[in-house]
Amino acid sequence: MTTTEEHEKRADALFHALADSTRRDILRRVLAGEHSVSALARSYDMSFAAVQKHVAVLERAGLISKRRSGREALASGEVEAIRSVASLLGEFEAVWRGRIGRIDDLLAGPE
């Protein structure tokens, strides 16, 4: 796999993970501080297994990491992954701003 393909696959995983409101909420919580998956599950009106699946999607995307402490799985947010999302969005913004700049030039007409 080329670097570009790896970059695109990573972007797909990040945006897929962030596409769901429950996963975004879980991410907000674990960025604020480490939480056990069982404590997270109590915060939602869904099964423990469903919350585990959401956590797994976030973990595969690299947005959170888990560690074991006794019988509990503890989840933490990964700040570097958030920075990579911000970087991707910055790339899109740069393209958009370039297009807006060209439109402004066209509207201004020849001087």
Protein backbone atom coordinates (compact mmCIF):
# COMPACT_ATOMS: atom_id res chain seq x y z
CA MET A 1 0.00 0.00 0.00
CA THR A 2 1.37 3.43 -0.91
CA THR A 3 1.68 6.28 1.54
CA THR A 4 -1.22 8.07 -0.18
CA GLU A 5 -3.42 4.98 0.11
CA GLU A 6 -2.51 4.60 3.78
CA HIS A 7 -3.28 8.29 4.35
CA GLU A 8 -6.68 7.92 2.68
CA LYS A 9 -7.49 4.73 4.59
CA ARG A 10 -6.62 6.51 7.86
CA ALA A 11 -8.81 9.49 6.91
CA ASP A 12 -11.69 7.12 6.09
CA ALA A 13 -11.37 5.45 9.50
CA LEU A 14 -11.22 8.79 11.32
CA PHE A 15 -14.23 10.29 9.60
CA HIS A 16 -16.22 7.05 9.86
CA ALA A 17 -15.56 7.01 13.60
CA LEU A 18 -16.56 10.66 13.96
CA ALA A 19 -19.70 10.27 11.83
CA ASP A 20 -21.74 8.95 14.75
CA SER A 21 -22.99 11.24 17.53
CA THR A 22 -22.58 8.57 20.23
CA ARG A 23 -18.95 8.02 19.25
CA ARG A 24 -18.31 11.77 19.25
CA ASP A 25 -19.80 11.96 22.75
CA ILE A 26 -17.69 9.03 23.95
CA LEU A 27 -14.63 10.73 22.50
CA ARG A 28 -15.45 14.00 24.30
CA ARG A 29 -15.75 12.13 27.59
CA VAL A 30 -12.48 10.22 27.26
CA LEU A 31 -10.59 13.29 26.09
CA ALA A 32 -11.67 14.96 29.34
CA GLY A 33 -10.39 12.00 31.36
CA GLU A 34 -9.98 8.26 31.43
CA HIS A 35 -13.23 6.29 31.78
CA SER A 36 -13.98 2.62 32.17
CA VAL A 37 -16.00 1.18 29.32
CA SER A 38 -18.61 0.02 31.84
CA ALA A 39 -18.95 3.58 33.20
CA LEU A 40 -19.33 4.87 29.65
CA ALA A 41 -22.01 2.26 28.96
CA ARG A 42 -24.08 3.49 31.90
CA SER A 43 -24.27 6.91 30.22
CA TYR A 44 -26.18 5.65 27.18
CA ASP A 45 -29.56 4.09 26.55
CA MET A 46 -28.07 1.08 24.76
CA SER A 47 -26.54 -2.24 25.65
CA PHE A 48 -23.04 -2.63 27.02
CA ALA A 49 -22.17 -4.58 23.84
CA ALA A 50 -23.30 -1.66 21.66
CA VAL A 51 -21.11 0.78 23.60
CA GLN A 52 -18.20 -1.67 23.32
CA LYS A 53 -18.67 -1.66 19.54
CA HIS A 54 -18.58 2.14 19.46
CA VAL A 55 -15.42 2.12 21.57
CA ALA A 56 -13.88 -0.45 19.21
CA VAL A 57 -14.55 1.77 16.17
CA LEU A 58 -12.90 4.71 17.94
CA GLU A 59 -9.98 2.52 18.96
CA ARG A 60 -9.46 1.17 15.41
CA ALA A 61 -9.41 4.76 14.15
CA GLY A 62 -6.73 5.57 16.74
CA LEU A 63 -8.90 8.17 18.45
CA ILE A 64 -8.86 6.35 21.78
CA SER A 65 -6.68 3.76 23.45
CA LYS A 66 -7.65 1.18 26.03
CA ARG A 67 -5.73 -0.40 28.86
CA ARG A 68 -6.67 -3.02 31.38
CA SER A 69 -6.80 -2.33 35.08
CA GLY A 70 -7.84 -5.49 36.82
CA ARG A 71 -11.14 -6.51 35.30
CA GLU A 72 -11.89 -3.11 33.81
CA ALA A 73 -11.04 -1.76 30.38
CA LEU A 74 -10.11 1.93 30.69
CA ALA A 75 -10.40 4.21 27.67
CA SER A 76 -8.43 7.41 27.07
CA GLY A 77 -8.55 9.92 24.23
CA GLU A 78 -5.60 10.23 21.86
CA VAL A 79 -4.81 13.92 21.37
CA GLU A 80 -2.43 13.26 18.44
CA ALA A 81 -5.26 11.61 16.50
CA ILE A 82 -7.43 14.68 17.10
CA ARG A 83 -4.59 16.80 15.75
CA SER A 84 -4.47 14.66 12.61
CA VAL A 85 -8.22 15.21 12.10
CA ALA A 86 -7.66 18.96 12.51
CA SER A 87 -4.82 18.76 9.99
CA LEU A 88 -7.04 16.99 7.46
CA LEU A 89 -9.75 19.59 7.94
CA GLY A 90 -7.11 22.30 7.53
CA GLU A 91 -6.18 20.82 4.15
CA PHE A 92 -9.82 20.97 3.06
CA GLU A 93 -10.13 24.53 4.32
CA ALA A 94 -7.05 25.58 2.34
CA VAL A 95 -8.57 24.19 -0.86
CA TRP A 96 -11.87 25.90 -0.10
CA ARG A 97 -10.20 29.24 0.65
CA GLY A 98 -8.26 28.99 -2.60
CA ARG A 99 -11.49 28.50 -4.53
CA ILE A 100 -13.15 31.42 -2.73
CA GLY A 101 -10.13 33.57 -3.57
CA ARG A 102 -10.45 32.68 -7.26
CA ILE A 103 -14.17 33.45 -7.21
CA ASP A 104 -13.44 36.83 -5.61
CA ASP A 105 -10.91 37.53 -8.37
CA LEU A 106 -13.43 36.60 -11.05
CA LEU A 107 -16.13 38.77 -9.51
CA ALA A 108 -13.77 41.73 -9.23
CA GLY A 109 -13.14 41.48 -12.97
CA PRO A 110 -10.20 42.98 -14.84
CA GLU A 111 -8.72 46.12 -13.42
